Amino acid sequence: LLGQLMTYAGMKAGKKCSWIPSYGPEMRGGTANCGV
């Protein structure tokens, strides 16, 4: 959610944006990270 919010804020402001999610073996409770 944080990654998506930052990306949408950038898009709305006309910035170039990328967002890539990365999940561990389980989505809830496993490791998760994203790059913005």
PDB file of all heavy atoms in Angstrom:
ATOM      1  N   LEU A   1       0.826  -1.200   0.000  1.00  0.00           N
ATOM      2  CA  LEU A   1       0.000   0.000   0.000  1.00  0.00           C
ATOM      3  C   LEU A   1       0.866   1.258   0.000  1.00  0.00           C
ATOM      4  O   LEU A   1       0.610   2.190  -0.767  1.00  0.00           O
ATOM      5  CB  LEU A   1      -0.939  -0.002   1.212  1.00  0.00           C
ATOM      6  CG  LEU A   1      -1.798   1.240   1.401  1.00  0.00           C
ATOM      7  CD1 LEU A   1      -2.743   1.433   0.223  1.00  0.00           C
ATOM      8  CD2 LEU A   1      -2.575   1.148   2.714  1.00  0.00           C
ATOM      9  N   LEU A   2       1.914   1.275   0.827  1.00  0.00           N
ATOM     10  CA  LEU A   2       2.792   2.445   0.860  1.00  0.00           C
ATOM     11  C   LEU A   2       3.459   2.674  -0.488  1.00  0.00           C
ATOM     12  O   LEU A   2       3.546   3.795  -0.970  1.00  0.00           O
ATOM     13  CB  LEU A   2       3.855   2.299   1.946  1.00  0.00           C
ATOM     14  CG  LEU A   2       3.384   2.266   3.392  1.00  0.00           C
ATOM     15  CD1 LEU A   2       4.585   2.306   4.330  1.00  0.00           C
ATOM     16  CD2 LEU A   2       2.421   3.378   3.701  1.00  0.00           C
ATOM     17  N   GLY A   3       3.929   1.585  -1.096  1.00  0.00           N
ATOM     18  CA  GLY A   3       4.553   1.703  -2.409  1.00  0.00           C
ATOM     19  C   GLY A   3       3.584   2.221  -3.458  1.00  0.00           C
ATOM     20  O   GLY A   3       3.937   3.086  -4.279  1.00  0.00           O
ATOM     21  N   GLN A   4       2.372   1.712  -3.424  1.00  0.00           N
ATOM     22  CA  GLN A   4       1.367   2.164  -4.383  1.00  0.00           C
ATOM     23  C   GLN A   4       1.008   3.635  -4.164  1.00  0.00           C
ATOM     24  O   GLN A   4       0.855   4.394  -5.124  1.00  0.00           O
ATOM     25  CB  GLN A   4       0.119   1.294  -4.294  1.00  0.00           C
ATOM     26  CG  GLN A   4       0.337  -0.104  -4.829  1.00  0.00           C
ATOM     27  CD  GLN A   4      -0.868  -0.999  -4.584  1.00  0.00           C
ATOM     28  OE1 GLN A   4      -1.532  -0.910  -3.562  1.00  0.00           O
ATOM     29  NE2 GLN A   4      -1.143  -1.857  -5.550  1.00  0.00           N
ATOM     30  N   LEU A   5       0.868   4.042  -2.911  1.00  0.00           N
ATOM     31  CA  LEU A   5       0.547   5.443  -2.625  1.00  0.00           C
ATOM     32  C   LEU A   5       1.625   6.376  -3.161  1.00  0.00           C
ATOM     33  O   LEU A   5       1.321   7.403  -3.779  1.00  0.00           O
ATOM     34  CB  LEU A   5       0.377   5.658  -1.121  1.00  0.00           C
ATOM     35  CG  LEU A   5      -0.927   5.168  -0.517  1.00  0.00           C
ATOM     36  CD1 LEU A   5      -0.863   5.220   1.001  1.00  0.00           C
ATOM     37  CD2 LEU A   5      -2.107   5.967  -1.033  1.00  0.00           C
ATOM     38  N   MET A   6       2.885   6.029  -2.926  1.00  0.00           N
ATOM     39  CA  MET A   6       3.974   6.859  -3.427  1.00  0.00           C
ATOM     40  C   MET A   6       3.953   6.917  -4.961  1.00  0.00           C
ATOM     41  O   MET A   6       4.152   7.976  -5.554  1.00  0.00           O
ATOM     42  CB  MET A   6       5.323   6.326  -2.939  1.00  0.00           C
ATOM     43  CG  MET A   6       5.557   6.522  -1.454  1.00  0.00           C
ATOM     44  SD  MET A   6       5.670   8.243  -0.959  1.00  0.00           S
ATOM     45  CE  MET A   6       7.266   8.685  -1.646  1.00  0.00           C
ATOM     46  N   THR A   7       3.682   5.773  -5.572  1.00  0.00           N
ATOM     47  CA  THR A   7       3.647   5.715  -7.040  1.00  0.00           C
ATOM     48  C   THR A   7       2.503   6.545  -7.602  1.00  0.00           C
ATOM     49  O   THR A   7       2.690   7.338  -8.533  1.00  0.00           O
ATOM     50  CB  THR A   7       3.542   4.254  -7.513  1.00  0.00           C
ATOM     51  OG1 THR A   7       4.650   3.526  -6.964  1.00  0.00           O
ATOM     52  CG2 THR A   7       3.580   4.163  -9.023  1.00  0.00           C
ATOM     53  N   TYR A   8       1.293   6.392  -7.044  1.00  0.00           N
ATOM     54  CA  TYR A   8       0.152   7.178  -7.516  1.00  0.00           C
ATOM     55  C   TYR A   8       0.366   8.673  -7.295  1.00  0.00           C
ATOM     56  O   TYR A   8      -0.003   9.486  -8.142  1.00  0.00           O
ATOM     57  CB  TYR A   8      -1.140   6.735  -6.839  1.00  0.00           C
ATOM     58  CG  TYR A   8      -1.720   5.463  -7.407  1.00  0.00           C
ATOM     59  CD1 TYR A   8      -2.055   4.409  -6.574  1.00  0.00           C
ATOM     60  CD2 TYR A   8      -1.952   5.317  -8.776  1.00  0.00           C
ATOM     61  CE1 TYR A   8      -2.592   3.235  -7.087  1.00  0.00           C
ATOM     62  CE2 TYR A   8      -2.477   4.160  -9.299  1.00  0.00           C
ATOM     63  CZ  TYR A   8      -2.802   3.117  -8.450  1.00  0.00           C
ATOM     64  OH  TYR A   8      -3.330   1.959  -8.956  1.00  0.00           O
ATOM     65  N   ALA A   9       0.970   9.042  -6.161  1.00  0.00           N
ATOM     66  CA  ALA A   9       1.253  10.456  -5.914  1.00  0.00           C
ATOM     67  C   ALA A   9       2.209  10.985  -6.982  1.00  0.00           C
ATOM     68  O   ALA A   9       2.019  12.085  -7.505  1.00  0.00           O
ATOM     69  CB  ALA A   9       1.844  10.647  -4.518  1.00  0.00           C
ATOM     70  N   GLY A  10       3.222  10.193  -7.307  1.00  0.00           N
ATOM     71  CA  GLY A  10       4.152  10.596  -8.357  1.00  0.00           C
ATOM     72  C   GLY A  10       3.485  10.723  -9.714  1.00  0.00           C
ATOM     73  O   GLY A  10       3.723  11.684 -10.447  1.00  0.00           O
ATOM     74  N   MET A  11       2.637   9.755 -10.045  1.00  0.00           N
ATOM     75  CA  MET A  11       1.937   9.804 -11.332  1.00  0.00           C
ATOM     76  C   MET A  11       1.043  11.029 -11.420  1.00  0.00           C
ATOM     77  O   MET A  11       1.022  11.718 -12.440  1.00  0.00           O
ATOM     78  CB  MET A  11       1.112   8.523 -11.542  1.00  0.00           C
ATOM     79  CG  MET A  11       1.978   7.321 -11.822  1.00  0.00           C
ATOM     80  SD  MET A  11       1.168   5.698 -12.000  1.00  0.00           S
ATOM     81  CE  MET A  11      -0.537   5.953 -11.945  1.00  0.00           C
ATOM     82  N   LYS A  12       0.317  11.313 -10.326  1.00  0.00           N
ATOM     83  CA  LYS A  12      -0.576  12.471 -10.322  1.00  0.00           C
ATOM     84  C   LYS A  12       0.195  13.769 -10.498  1.00  0.00           C
ATOM     85  O   LYS A  12      -0.293  14.718 -11.085  1.00  0.00           O
ATOM     86  CB  LYS A  12      -1.385  12.507  -9.033  1.00  0.00           C
ATOM     87  CG  LYS A  12      -2.420  13.591  -9.017  1.00  0.00           C
ATOM     88  CD  LYS A  12      -3.354  13.477  -7.858  1.00  0.00           C
ATOM     89  CE  LYS A  12      -4.395  14.580  -7.979  1.00  0.00           C
ATOM     90  NZ  LYS A  12      -5.458  14.446  -7.026  1.00  0.00           N
ATOM     91  N   ALA A  13       1.436  13.798 -10.011  1.00  0.00           N
ATOM     92  CA  ALA A  13       2.273  14.998 -10.129  1.00  0.00           C
ATOM     93  C   ALA A  13       3.057  15.034 -11.437  1.00  0.00           C
ATOM     94  O   ALA A  13       3.870  15.918 -11.649  1.00  0.00           O
ATOM     95  CB  ALA A  13       3.230  15.085  -8.947  1.00  0.00           C
ATOM     96  N   GLY A  14       2.837  14.049 -12.309  1.00  0.00           N
ATOM     97  CA  GLY A  14       3.500  14.046 -13.609  1.00  0.00           C
ATOM     98  C   GLY A  14       4.921  13.517 -13.594  1.00  0.00           C
ATOM     99  O   GLY A  14       5.685  13.760 -14.523  1.00  0.00           O
ATOM    100  N   LYS A  15       5.289  12.799 -12.530  1.00  0.00           N
ATOM    101  CA  LYS A  15       6.638  12.226 -12.452  1.00  0.00           C
ATOM    102  C   LYS A  15       6.692  10.906 -13.217  1.00  0.00           C
ATOM    103  O   LYS A  15       5.693  10.266 -13.465  1.00  0.00           O
ATOM    104  CB  LYS A  15       7.045  11.967 -10.984  1.00  0.00           C
ATOM    105  CG  LYS A  15       6.875  13.141 -10.059  1.00  0.00           C
ATOM    106  CD  LYS A  15       7.637  14.356 -10.513  1.00  0.00           C
ATOM    107  CE  LYS A  15       7.356  15.541  -9.605  1.00  0.00           C
ATOM    108  NZ  LYS A  15       7.396  16.801 -10.301  1.00  0.00           N
ATOM    109  N   LYS A  16       7.899  10.500 -13.566  1.00  0.00           N
ATOM    110  CA  LYS A  16       8.130   9.161 -14.112  1.00  0.00           C
ATOM    111  C   LYS A  16       8.153   8.232 -12.900  1.00  0.00           C
ATOM    112  O   LYS A  16       8.783   8.554 -11.889  1.00  0.00           O
ATOM    113  CB  LYS A  16       9.457   9.077 -14.870  1.00  0.00           C
ATOM    114  CG  LYS A  16       9.700  10.187 -15.873  1.00  0.00           C
ATOM    115  CD  LYS A  16       8.682  10.206 -16.991  1.00  0.00           C
ATOM    116  CE  LYS A  16       9.093  11.195 -18.066  1.00  0.00           C
ATOM    117  NZ  LYS A  16       8.282  12.367 -18.163  1.00  0.00           N
ATOM    118  N   CYS A  17       7.492   7.088 -12.984  1.00  0.00           N
ATOM    119  CA  CYS A  17       7.324   6.231 -11.810  1.00  0.00           C
ATOM    120  C   CYS A  17       7.480   4.760 -12.149  1.00  0.00           C
ATOM    121  O   CYS A  17       7.137   4.321 -13.248  1.00  0.00           O
ATOM    122  CB  CYS A  17       5.924   6.400 -11.215  1.00  0.00           C
ATOM    123  SG  CYS A  17       5.465   8.081 -10.855  1.00  0.00           S
ATOM    124  N   SER A  18       7.974   4.006 -11.177  1.00  0.00           N
ATOM    125  CA  SER A  18       7.924   2.545 -11.262  1.00  0.00           C
ATOM    126  C   SER A  18       7.653   2.006  -9.861  1.00  0.00           C
ATOM    127  O   SER A  18       8.005   2.635  -8.857  1.00  0.00           O
ATOM    128  CB  SER A  18       9.218   1.960 -11.832  1.00  0.00           C
ATOM    129  OG  SER A  18      10.259   2.036 -10.890  1.00  0.00           O
ATOM    130  N   TRP A  19       7.006   0.854  -9.823  1.00  0.00           N
ATOM    131  CA  TRP A  19       6.680   0.180  -8.565  1.00  0.00           C
ATOM    132  C   TRP A  19       6.799  -1.309  -8.821  1.00  0.00           C
ATOM    133  O   TRP A  19       6.164  -1.832  -9.735  1.00  0.00           O
ATOM    134  CB  TRP A  19       5.256   0.533  -8.120  1.00  0.00           C
ATOM    135  CG  TRP A  19       4.758  -0.255  -6.948  1.00  0.00           C
ATOM    136  CD1 TRP A  19       5.143  -0.111  -5.661  1.00  0.00           C
ATOM    137  CD2 TRP A  19       3.780  -1.307  -6.958  1.00  0.00           C
ATOM    138  NE1 TRP A  19       4.465  -1.003  -4.856  1.00  0.00           N
ATOM    139  CE2 TRP A  19       3.617  -1.752  -5.639  1.00  0.00           C
ATOM    140  CE3 TRP A  19       3.027  -1.920  -7.957  1.00  0.00           C
ATOM    141  CZ2 TRP A  19       2.744  -2.761  -5.280  1.00  0.00           C
ATOM    142  CZ3 TRP A  19       2.151  -2.936  -7.598  1.00  0.00           C
ATOM    143  CH2 TRP A  19       2.020  -3.341  -6.270  1.00  0.00           C
ATOM    144  N   ILE A  20       7.644  -1.981  -8.054  1.00  0.00           N
ATOM    145  CA  ILE A  20       7.816  -3.426  -8.215  1.00  0.00           C
ATOM    146  C   ILE A  20       7.656  -4.095  -6.854  1.00  0.00           C
ATOM    147  O   ILE A  20       8.440  -3.849  -5.942  1.00  0.00           O
ATOM    148  CB  ILE A  20       9.183  -3.779  -8.817  1.00  0.00           C
ATOM    149  CG1 ILE A  20       9.284  -3.224 -10.228  1.00  0.00           C
ATOM    150  CG2 ILE A  20       9.395  -5.289  -8.806  1.00  0.00           C
ATOM    151  CD1 ILE A  20      10.533  -3.604 -10.965  1.00  0.00           C
ATOM    152  N   PRO A  21       6.617  -4.950  -6.715  1.00  0.00           N
ATOM    153  CA  PRO A  21       6.434  -5.684  -5.466  1.00  0.00           C
ATOM    154  C   PRO A  21       7.243  -6.975  -5.441  1.00  0.00           C
ATOM    155  O   PRO A  21       7.567  -7.535  -6.485  1.00  0.00           O
ATOM    156  CB  PRO A  21       4.937  -5.998  -5.478  1.00  0.00           C
ATOM    157  CG  PRO A  21       4.608  -6.120  -6.931  1.00  0.00           C
ATOM    158  CD  PRO A  21       5.524  -5.147  -7.651  1.00  0.00           C
ATOM    159  N   SER A  22       7.577  -7.423  -4.229  1.00  0.00           N
ATOM    160  CA  SER A  22       8.273  -8.691  -4.048  1.00  0.00           C
ATOM    161  C   SER A  22       7.724  -9.350  -2.782  1.00  0.00           C
ATOM    162  O   SER A  22       7.711  -8.734  -1.717  1.00  0.00           O
ATOM    163  CB  SER A  22       9.776  -8.456  -3.897  1.00  0.00           C
ATOM    164  OG  SER A  22      10.438  -9.658  -3.616  1.00  0.00           O
ATOM    165  N   TYR A  23       7.259 -10.584  -2.931  1.00  0.00           N
ATOM    166  CA  TYR A  23       6.662 -11.306  -1.814  1.00  0.00           C
ATOM    167  C   TYR A  23       7.503 -12.517  -1.457  1.00  0.00           C
ATOM    168  O   TYR A  23       8.122 -13.126  -2.315  1.00  0.00           O
ATOM    169  CB  TYR A  23       5.263 -11.820  -2.175  1.00  0.00           C
ATOM    170  CG  TYR A  23       4.287 -10.759  -2.555  1.00  0.00           C
ATOM    171  CD1 TYR A  23       4.064 -10.441  -3.892  1.00  0.00           C
ATOM    172  CD2 TYR A  23       3.579 -10.076  -1.586  1.00  0.00           C
ATOM    173  CE1 TYR A  23       3.156  -9.470  -4.249  1.00  0.00           C
ATOM    174  CE2 TYR A  23       2.670  -9.097  -1.932  1.00  0.00           C
ATOM    175  CZ  TYR A  23       2.453  -8.799  -3.266  1.00  0.00           C
ATOM    176  OH  TYR A  23       1.554  -7.831  -3.612  1.00  0.00           O
ATOM    177  N   GLY A  24       7.464 -12.895  -0.171  1.00  0.00           N
ATOM    178  CA  GLY A  24       8.075 -14.139   0.272  1.00  0.00           C
ATOM    179  C   GLY A  24       7.129 -15.296  -0.016  1.00  0.00           C
ATOM    180  O   GLY A  24       6.167 -15.152  -0.767  1.00  0.00           O
ATOM    181  N   PRO A  25       7.354 -16.468   0.594  1.00  0.00           N
ATOM    182  CA  PRO A  25       6.552 -17.642   0.299  1.00  0.00           C
ATOM    183  C   PRO A  25       5.072 -17.495   0.626  1.00  0.00           C
ATOM    184  O   PRO A  25       4.231 -18.060  -0.036  1.00  0.00           O
ATOM    185  CB  PRO A  25       7.180 -18.755   1.135  1.00  0.00           C
ATOM    186  CG  PRO A  25       8.217 -18.129   1.976  1.00  0.00           C
ATOM    187  CD  PRO A  25       8.418 -16.727   1.529  1.00  0.00           C
ATOM    188  N   GLU A  26       4.745 -16.735   1.673  1.00  0.00           N
ATOM    189  CA  GLU A  26       3.349 -16.462   1.974  1.00  0.00           C
ATOM    190  C   GLU A  26       3.151 -14.958   1.860  1.00  0.00           C
ATOM    191  O   GLU A  26       4.046 -14.199   2.183  1.00  0.00           O
ATOM    192  CB  GLU A  26       2.963 -16.863   3.403  1.00  0.00           C
ATOM    193  CG  GLU A  26       3.553 -18.132   3.922  1.00  0.00           C
ATOM    194  CD  GLU A  26       4.942 -17.961   4.516  1.00  0.00           C
ATOM    195  OE1 GLU A  26       5.291 -16.875   5.008  1.00  0.00           O
ATOM    196  OE2 GLU A  26       5.689 -18.927   4.463  1.00  0.00           O
ATOM    197  N   MET A  27       1.977 -14.552   1.439  1.00  0.00           N
ATOM    198  CA  MET A  27       1.745 -13.115   1.331  1.00  0.00           C
ATOM    199  C   MET A  27       1.539 -12.496   2.710  1.00  0.00           C
ATOM    200  O   MET A  27       2.224 -11.575   3.090  1.00  0.00           O
ATOM    201  CB  MET A  27       0.564 -12.824   0.421  1.00  0.00           C
ATOM    202  CG  MET A  27       0.887 -13.095  -1.036  1.00  0.00           C
ATOM    203  SD  MET A  27      -0.542 -12.957  -2.062  1.00  0.00           S
ATOM    204  CE  MET A  27      -0.369 -11.317  -2.655  1.00  0.00           C
ATOM    205  N   ARG A  28       0.604 -13.004   3.507  1.00  0.00           N
ATOM    206  CA  ARG A  28       0.356 -12.454   4.834  1.00  0.00           C
ATOM    207  C   ARG A  28       1.268 -13.158   5.822  1.00  0.00           C
ATOM    208  O   ARG A  28       1.228 -14.346   5.969  1.00  0.00           O
ATOM    209  CB  ARG A  28      -1.103 -12.616   5.236  1.00  0.00           C
ATOM    210  CG  ARG A  28      -1.394 -11.915   6.547  1.00  0.00           C
ATOM    211  CD  ARG A  28      -2.849 -11.855   6.887  1.00  0.00           C
ATOM    212  NE  ARG A  28      -3.651 -10.794   6.333  1.00  0.00           N
ATOM    213  CZ  ARG A  28      -3.440  -9.486   6.405  1.00  0.00           C
ATOM    214  NH1 ARG A  28      -2.355  -9.041   6.963  1.00  0.00           N
ATOM    215  NH2 ARG A  28      -4.274  -8.631   5.920  1.00  0.00           N
ATOM    216  N   GLY A  29       2.140 -12.399   6.472  1.00  0.00           N
ATOM    217  CA  GLY A  29       3.044 -12.957   7.462  1.00  0.00           C
ATOM    218  C   GLY A  29       4.422 -13.283   6.908  1.00  0.00           C
ATOM    219  O   GLY A  29       5.379 -13.369   7.654  1.00  0.00           O
ATOM    220  N   GLY A  30       4.550 -13.479   5.605  1.00  0.00           N
ATOM    221  CA  GLY A  30       5.863 -13.707   5.004  1.00  0.00           C
ATOM    222  C   GLY A  30       6.541 -12.379   4.754  1.00  0.00           C
ATOM    223  O   GLY A  30       5.996 -11.317   5.032  1.00  0.00           O
ATOM    224  N   THR A  31       7.741 -12.419   4.248  1.00  0.00           N
ATOM    225  CA  THR A  31       8.438 -11.173   3.962  1.00  0.00           C
ATOM    226  C   THR A  31       7.864 -10.524   2.713  1.00  0.00           C
ATOM    227  O   THR A  31       7.408 -11.206   1.794  1.00  0.00           O
ATOM    228  CB  THR A  31       9.947 -11.410   3.771  1.00  0.00           C
ATOM    229  OG1 THR A  31      10.126 -12.324   2.696  1.00  0.00           O
ATOM    230  CG2 THR A  31      10.585 -11.943   5.032  1.00  0.00           C
ATOM    231  N   ALA A  32       7.874  -9.232   2.701  1.00  0.00           N
ATOM    232  CA  ALA A  32       7.379  -8.483   1.556  1.00  0.00           C
ATOM    233  C   ALA A  32       8.178  -7.195   1.450  1.00  0.00           C
ATOM    234  O   ALA A  32       8.543  -6.600   2.463  1.00  0.00           O
ATOM    235  CB  ALA A  32       5.898  -8.168   1.722  1.00  0.00           C
ATOM    236  N   ASN A  33       8.453  -6.798   0.232  1.00  0.00           N
ATOM    237  CA  ASN A  33       9.058  -5.487   0.022  1.00  0.00           C
ATOM    238  C   ASN A  33       8.672  -4.998  -1.355  1.00  0.00           C
ATOM    239  O   ASN A  33       8.203  -5.774  -2.201  1.00  0.00           O
ATOM    240  CB  ASN A  33      10.579  -5.512   0.211  1.00  0.00           C
ATOM    241  CG  ASN A  33      11.306  -6.302  -0.829  1.00  0.00           C
ATOM    242  OD1 ASN A  33      11.505  -5.825  -1.947  1.00  0.00           O
ATOM    243  ND2 ASN A  33      11.727  -7.513  -0.492  1.00  0.00           N
ATOM    244  N   CYS A  34       8.828  -3.730  -1.553  1.00  0.00           N
ATOM    245  CA  CYS A  34       8.593  -3.177  -2.879  1.00  0.00           C
ATOM    246  C   CYS A  34       9.587  -2.062  -3.116  1.00  0.00           C
ATOM    247  O   CYS A  34      10.113  -1.461  -2.179  1.00  0.00           O
ATOM    248  CB  CYS A  34       7.153  -2.700  -3.053  1.00  0.00           C
ATOM    249  SG  CYS A  34       6.685  -1.274  -2.067  1.00  0.00           S
ATOM    250  N   GLY A  35       9.856  -1.850  -4.370  1.00  0.00           N
ATOM    251  CA  GLY A  35      10.734  -0.769  -4.785  1.00  0.00           C
ATOM    252  C   GLY A  35       9.941   0.258  -5.559  1.00  0.00           C
ATOM    253  O   GLY A  35       9.136  -0.094  -6.417  1.00  0.00           O
ATOM    254  N   VAL A  36      10.144   1.508  -5.244  1.00  0.00           N
ATOM    255  CA  VAL A  36       9.468   2.616  -5.918  1.00  0.00           C
ATOM    256  C   VAL A  36      10.536   3.566  -6.425  1.00  0.00           C
ATOM    257  O   VAL A  36      11.467   3.912  -5.692  1.00  0.00           O
ATOM    258  CB  VAL A  36       8.532   3.376  -4.949  1.00  0.00           C
ATOM    259  CG1 VAL A  36       7.936   4.604  -5.625  1.00  0.00           C
ATOM    260  CG2 VAL A  36       7.445   2.467  -4.415  1.00  0.00           C
TER     261      VAL A  36
END
